[in-house]
Amino acid sequence: AAARPLAQGRVTVLESRAPPYLAGAGQHRLVCAIGAVDIFPGLVRPEEVMAALAPSIAPGGWLLWGDPFWKAPPGPRLDAVFGAARYATLAGWVAAGEAAGLEPRYTATSAEADWEEFFWRMNASLEDWAREHADDPGSTALRQRAALLRSVYLEEGREGVGFGLYLFRRPFA
């Protein structure tokens, strides 16, 4: 017979701003942060973000992190849209976790087709929302942002950006 999972009945999904929650929540056995490079306002570089998040992971606990990575150095337009300092190469994300005292246990990158599908669905949803909410004061800016994202993605993003998942463990001691 299989043993009962340790987290059975104790998993909570919470939507909240991370800094105030993490400041009072203690440590966790598992933290999942997908697309969360902006989790801590004012912290931009992956090393800063990982260092701020690591204390929230209990000894022996896990961090599942997912974010874009640079496959090639970003050109000026890609940097202007996404911010070169906000992301790292695949090796850079692993190094950021290690610098925060976390042990890398696994990485995986999305298949090109999956990343392509994600981008086009995301971009279409921005355009659809802007069209469906044309009376919203931000709809014009959102349409312009979607057009810029599409242009930069086609010119530099397809070759220069991927998506990775990184599993880290905080050592017991």
Foldseek 3Di string as FASTA:
>chain_A
DDDDDPCVPPDDDDDDQPPVCLVPPAADQEDEAAQVLCSDPPDAALLRVLLVCVRNHAAQHKYKYKDKEWPDQDDPLCCVLPNRRRHYHPVRNCVSNVSSQWAWDDKDWDDLVVQVVVLVVVLVVLLVVLVVPVVDPCSVVSPVSSVSSVVCCVVPVSNTMTMMIIMIHHHND
